[in-house]
């Protein structure tokens, strides 16, 4: 069984500096939203919990589909894949993307999925906008 909350991760009292990653923790609150105004330091994604997992079957595949991040070497990244072990002692887990570099500021549709082998456990779609390039009334 899987339960999830999706949105922008916020940690009161912590300023996110460009080029640095803030380690996640229980102190981070998830502001529910599927529309993300991105800037350097923005972290968005899903906090999820999985119950009923055996200690021998506790890895998941995290799939991030991006609108196309072009790194400084000119290589385009439409997806990132990560295999992660689930701690049976942890109540919740996270799949999130934190924008730490200017080239990661990419507007468009982002999808995040968590798989156990070929079984989809959780999926969320986010619409990311960059302030100043596309201003929607919701973000004013």
C-alpha atoms as a PDB file:
ATOM      1  CA  UNK A   1       0.000   0.000   0.000  1.00  0.00           C
ATOM      2  CA  UNK A   2       1.243   3.497  -0.826  1.00  0.00           C
ATOM      3  CA  UNK A   3       0.193   6.929   0.437  1.00  0.00           C
ATOM      4  CA  UNK A   4       1.652  10.163  -0.868  1.00  0.00           C
ATOM      5  CA  UNK A   5       1.700  13.939  -0.635  1.00  0.00           C
ATOM      6  CA  UNK A   6       2.989  16.001  -3.555  1.00  0.00           C
ATOM      7  CA  UNK A   7       4.079  19.599  -3.937  1.00  0.00           C
ATOM      8  CA  UNK A   8       6.835  22.035  -3.027  1.00  0.00           C
ATOM      9  CA  UNK A   9       9.056  21.133  -0.079  1.00  0.00           C
ATOM     10  CA  UNK A  10       9.537  23.979   2.361  1.00  0.00           C
ATOM     11  CA  UNK A  11      11.633  24.179   5.486  1.00  0.00           C
ATOM     12  CA  UNK A  12      10.821  27.208   7.628  1.00  0.00           C
ATOM     13  CA  UNK A  13      13.874  29.199   8.656  1.00  0.00           C
ATOM     14  CA  UNK A  14      16.210  27.665   6.056  1.00  0.00           C
ATOM     15  CA  UNK A  15      17.388  29.741   3.112  1.00  0.00           C
ATOM     16  CA  UNK A  16      18.288  27.660   0.087  1.00  0.00           C
ATOM     17  CA  UNK A  17      21.455  29.001  -1.464  1.00  0.00           C
ATOM     18  CA  UNK A  18      22.047  28.500  -5.204  1.00  0.00           C
ATOM     19  CA  UNK A  19      24.401  25.600  -5.878  1.00  0.00           C
ATOM     20  CA  UNK A  20      23.689  23.855  -2.566  1.00  0.00           C
ATOM     21  CA  UNK A  21      21.339  21.038  -1.694  1.00  0.00           C
ATOM     22  CA  UNK A  22      19.377  21.055   1.528  1.00  0.00           C
ATOM     23  CA  UNK A  23      19.191  17.531   2.937  1.00  0.00           C
ATOM     24  CA  UNK A  24      15.597  16.448   3.360  1.00  0.00           C
ATOM     25  CA  UNK A  25      14.105  15.537   6.642  1.00  0.00           C
ATOM     26  CA  UNK A  26      10.943  15.348   8.628  1.00  0.00           C
ATOM     27  CA  UNK A  27      11.201  19.106   9.257  1.00  0.00           C
ATOM     28  CA  UNK A  28      10.352  19.810   5.616  1.00  0.00           C
ATOM     29  CA  UNK A  29       6.726  20.551   4.996  1.00  0.00           C
ATOM     30  CA  UNK A  30       5.068  19.742   1.676  1.00  0.00           C
ATOM     31  CA  UNK A  31       2.928  22.577   0.338  1.00  0.00           C
ATOM     32  CA  UNK A  32       0.427  20.724  -1.873  1.00  0.00           C
ATOM     33  CA  UNK A  33       0.483  21.918  -5.488  1.00  0.00           C
ATOM     34  CA  UNK A  34       0.882  20.589  -9.006  1.00  0.00           C
ATOM     35  CA  UNK A  35       1.988  23.991 -10.332  1.00  0.00           C
ATOM     36  CA  UNK A  36       5.479  25.047  -9.315  1.00  0.00           C
ATOM     37  CA  UNK A  37       7.044  28.486  -9.694  1.00  0.00           C
ATOM     38  CA  UNK A  38      10.690  27.533  -9.993  1.00  0.00           C
ATOM     39  CA  UNK A  39      13.756  29.452  -8.922  1.00  0.00           C
ATOM     40  CA  UNK A  40      17.143  28.381  -7.658  1.00  0.00           C
ATOM     41  CA  UNK A  41      16.633  26.380  -4.472  1.00  0.00           C
ATOM     42  CA  UNK A  42      13.082  25.229  -5.274  1.00  0.00           C
ATOM     43  CA  UNK A  43      12.499  21.607  -4.290  1.00  0.00           C
ATOM     44  CA  UNK A  44       9.408  19.786  -5.497  1.00  0.00           C
ATOM     45  CA  UNK A  45       8.257  16.202  -5.573  1.00  0.00           C
ATOM     46  CA  UNK A  46       6.515  13.503  -3.574  1.00  0.00           C
ATOM     47  CA  UNK A  47       6.802  12.277   0.007  1.00  0.00           C
ATOM     48  CA  UNK A  48       5.418   8.765   0.112  1.00  0.00           C
ATOM     49  CA  UNK A  49       5.111   5.839   2.477  1.00  0.00           C
ATOM     50  CA  UNK A  50       5.003   2.192   1.537  1.00  0.00           C
ATOM     51  CA  UNK A  51       3.672  -0.466   3.873  1.00  0.00           C
ATOM     52  CA  UNK A  52       3.925  -4.236   3.747  1.00  0.00           C
ATOM     53  CA  UNK A  53       7.443  -4.444   2.299  1.00  0.00           C
ATOM     54  CA  UNK A  54       9.726  -7.335   3.238  1.00  0.00           C
ATOM     55  CA  UNK A  55      13.338  -6.670   4.198  1.00  0.00           C
ATOM     56  CA  UNK A  56      14.445  -8.734   1.168  1.00  0.00           C
ATOM     57  CA  UNK A  57      12.323  -6.773  -1.298  1.00  0.00           C
ATOM     58  CA  UNK A  58      12.929  -3.145  -0.473  1.00  0.00           C
ATOM     59  CA  UNK A  59      14.356  -1.346  -3.498  1.00  0.00           C
ATOM     60  CA  UNK A  60      12.486   0.970  -5.805  1.00  0.00           C
ATOM     61  CA  UNK A  61      13.292   2.747  -9.050  1.00  0.00           C
ATOM     62  CA  UNK A  62      12.751   6.504  -9.126  1.00  0.00           C
ATOM     63  CA  UNK A  63      12.028   7.904 -12.589  1.00  0.00           C
ATOM     64  CA  UNK A  64      12.156  11.640 -13.265  1.00  0.00           C
ATOM     65  CA  UNK A  65      10.879  12.785 -16.689  1.00  0.00           C
ATOM     66  CA  UNK A  66      11.912  16.372 -17.442  1.00  0.00           C
ATOM     67  CA  UNK A  67      10.962  18.780 -20.234  1.00  0.00           C
ATOM     68  CA  UNK A  68      14.624  18.569 -21.291  1.00  0.00           C
ATOM     69  CA  UNK A  69      17.481  19.794 -19.131  1.00  0.00           C
ATOM     70  CA  UNK A  70      20.558  20.772 -21.133  1.00  0.00           C
ATOM     71  CA  UNK A  71      23.701  20.593 -18.997  1.00  0.00           C
ATOM     72  CA  UNK A  72      26.767  22.832 -19.461  1.00  0.00           C
ATOM     73  CA  UNK A  73      28.374  20.181 -21.713  1.00  0.00           C
ATOM     74  CA  UNK A  74      25.409  20.501 -24.097  1.00  0.00           C
ATOM     75  CA  UNK A  75      23.947  17.095 -23.246  1.00  0.00           C
ATOM     76  CA  UNK A  76      20.155  16.923 -23.030  1.00  0.00           C
ATOM     77  CA  UNK A  77      18.533  14.990 -20.169  1.00  0.00           C
ATOM     78  CA  UNK A  78      14.891  14.046 -20.688  1.00  0.00           C
ATOM     79  CA  UNK A  79      14.952  11.584 -17.799  1.00  0.00           C
ATOM     80  CA  UNK A  80      16.887  10.665 -14.698  1.00  0.00           C
ATOM     81  CA  UNK A  81      16.713   7.173 -13.183  1.00  0.00           C
ATOM     82  CA  UNK A  82      17.781   6.243  -9.676  1.00  0.00           C
ATOM     83  CA  UNK A  83      17.549   2.930  -7.813  1.00  0.00           C
ATOM     84  CA  UNK A  84      17.052   3.417  -4.100  1.00  0.00           C
ATOM     85  CA  UNK A  85      16.818   1.043  -1.167  1.00  0.00           C
ATOM     86  CA  UNK A  86      13.838   1.605   1.082  1.00  0.00           C
ATOM     87  CA  UNK A  87      14.635   1.601   4.758  1.00  0.00           C
ATOM     88  CA  UNK A  88      12.119  -0.601   6.511  1.00  0.00           C
ATOM     89  CA  UNK A  89      12.663   1.590   9.586  1.00  0.00           C
ATOM     90  CA  UNK A  90      11.661   4.846   7.869  1.00  0.00           C
ATOM     91  CA  UNK A  91       8.042   5.928   7.844  1.00  0.00           C
ATOM     92  CA  UNK A  92       8.329   8.016   4.681  1.00  0.00           C
ATOM     93  CA  UNK A  93      10.480   8.337   1.570  1.00  0.00           C
ATOM     94  CA  UNK A  94      10.987  11.096  -0.970  1.00  0.00           C
ATOM     95  CA  UNK A  95      11.311  11.500  -4.704  1.00  0.00           C
ATOM     96  CA  UNK A  96      12.083  15.152  -5.311  1.00  0.00           C
ATOM     97  CA  UNK A  97      14.060  17.431  -7.574  1.00  0.00           C
ATOM     98  CA  UNK A  98      15.840  20.451  -6.158  1.00  0.00           C
ATOM     99  CA  UNK A  99      16.886  23.120  -8.633  1.00  0.00           C
ATOM    100  CA  UNK A 100      20.448  23.963  -7.661  1.00  0.00           C
ATOM    101  CA  UNK A 101      21.949  25.211 -10.940  1.00  0.00           C
ATOM    102  CA  UNK A 102      20.690  27.841 -13.428  1.00  0.00           C
ATOM    103  CA  UNK A 103      20.581  25.322 -16.315  1.00  0.00           C
ATOM    104  CA  UNK A 104      18.068  23.234 -14.306  1.00  0.00           C
ATOM    105  CA  UNK A 105      15.517  26.056 -14.484  1.00  0.00           C
ATOM    106  CA  UNK A 106      13.370  24.451 -17.180  1.00  0.00           C
ATOM    107  CA  UNK A 107       9.688  25.232 -17.596  1.00  0.00           C
ATOM    108  CA  UNK A 108       7.259  22.560 -18.715  1.00  0.00           C
ATOM    109  CA  UNK A 109       5.770  19.270 -17.606  1.00  0.00           C
ATOM    110  CA  UNK A 110       7.785  17.204 -15.138  1.00  0.00           C
ATOM    111  CA  UNK A 111       6.729  13.694 -14.079  1.00  0.00           C
ATOM    112  CA  UNK A 112       7.980  11.684 -11.124  1.00  0.00           C
ATOM    113  CA  UNK A 113       7.279   7.980 -10.693  1.00  0.00           C
ATOM    114  CA  UNK A 114       8.234   5.310  -8.201  1.00  0.00           C
ATOM    115  CA  UNK A 115       8.362   1.674  -9.333  1.00  0.00           C
ATOM    116  CA  UNK A 116       8.827  -1.586  -7.484  1.00  0.00           C
ATOM    117  CA  UNK A 117      10.231  -3.738 -10.302  1.00  0.00           C
ATOM    118  CA  UNK A 118       7.611  -3.117 -13.038  1.00  0.00           C
ATOM    119  CA  UNK A 119       4.812  -2.114 -10.628  1.00  0.00           C
ATOM    120  CA  UNK A 120       4.008   1.623 -10.490  1.00  0.00           C
ATOM    121  CA  UNK A 121       3.601   2.659  -6.855  1.00  0.00           C
ATOM    122  CA  UNK A 122       3.152   6.416  -7.188  1.00  0.00           C
ATOM    123  CA  UNK A 123       3.119   8.961 -10.016  1.00  0.00           C
ATOM    124  CA  UNK A 124       2.727  12.734 -10.056  1.00  0.00           C
ATOM    125  CA  UNK A 125       2.871  15.386 -12.741  1.00  0.00           C
ATOM    126  CA  UNK A 126       4.008  18.961 -12.062  1.00  0.00           C
ATOM    127  CA  UNK A 127       3.720  21.996 -14.311  1.00  0.00           C
ATOM    128  CA  UNK A 128       6.788  24.146 -13.746  1.00  0.00           C
ATOM    129  CA  UNK A 129       6.958  27.821 -14.685  1.00  0.00           C
ATOM    130  CA  UNK A 130       9.821  30.230 -14.361  1.00  0.00           C
ATOM    131  CA  UNK A 131       8.859  33.611 -12.965  1.00  0.00           C
ATOM    132  CA  UNK A 132       9.420  36.310 -15.543  1.00  0.00           C
ATOM    133  CA  UNK A 133       9.119  34.007 -18.559  1.00  0.00           C
ATOM    134  CA  UNK A 134       5.516  32.989 -18.068  1.00  0.00           C
ATOM    135  CA  UNK A 135       3.383  34.634 -15.431  1.00  0.00           C
ATOM    136  CA  UNK A 136       0.060  33.001 -14.677  1.00  0.00           C
ATOM    137  CA  UNK A 137      -2.560  34.753 -12.604  1.00  0.00           C
ATOM    138  CA  UNK A 138      -2.302  31.978  -9.994  1.00  0.00           C
ATOM    139  CA  UNK A 139       1.319  32.890  -9.314  1.00  0.00           C
ATOM    140  CA  UNK A 140       0.978  36.656  -8.882  1.00  0.00           C
END
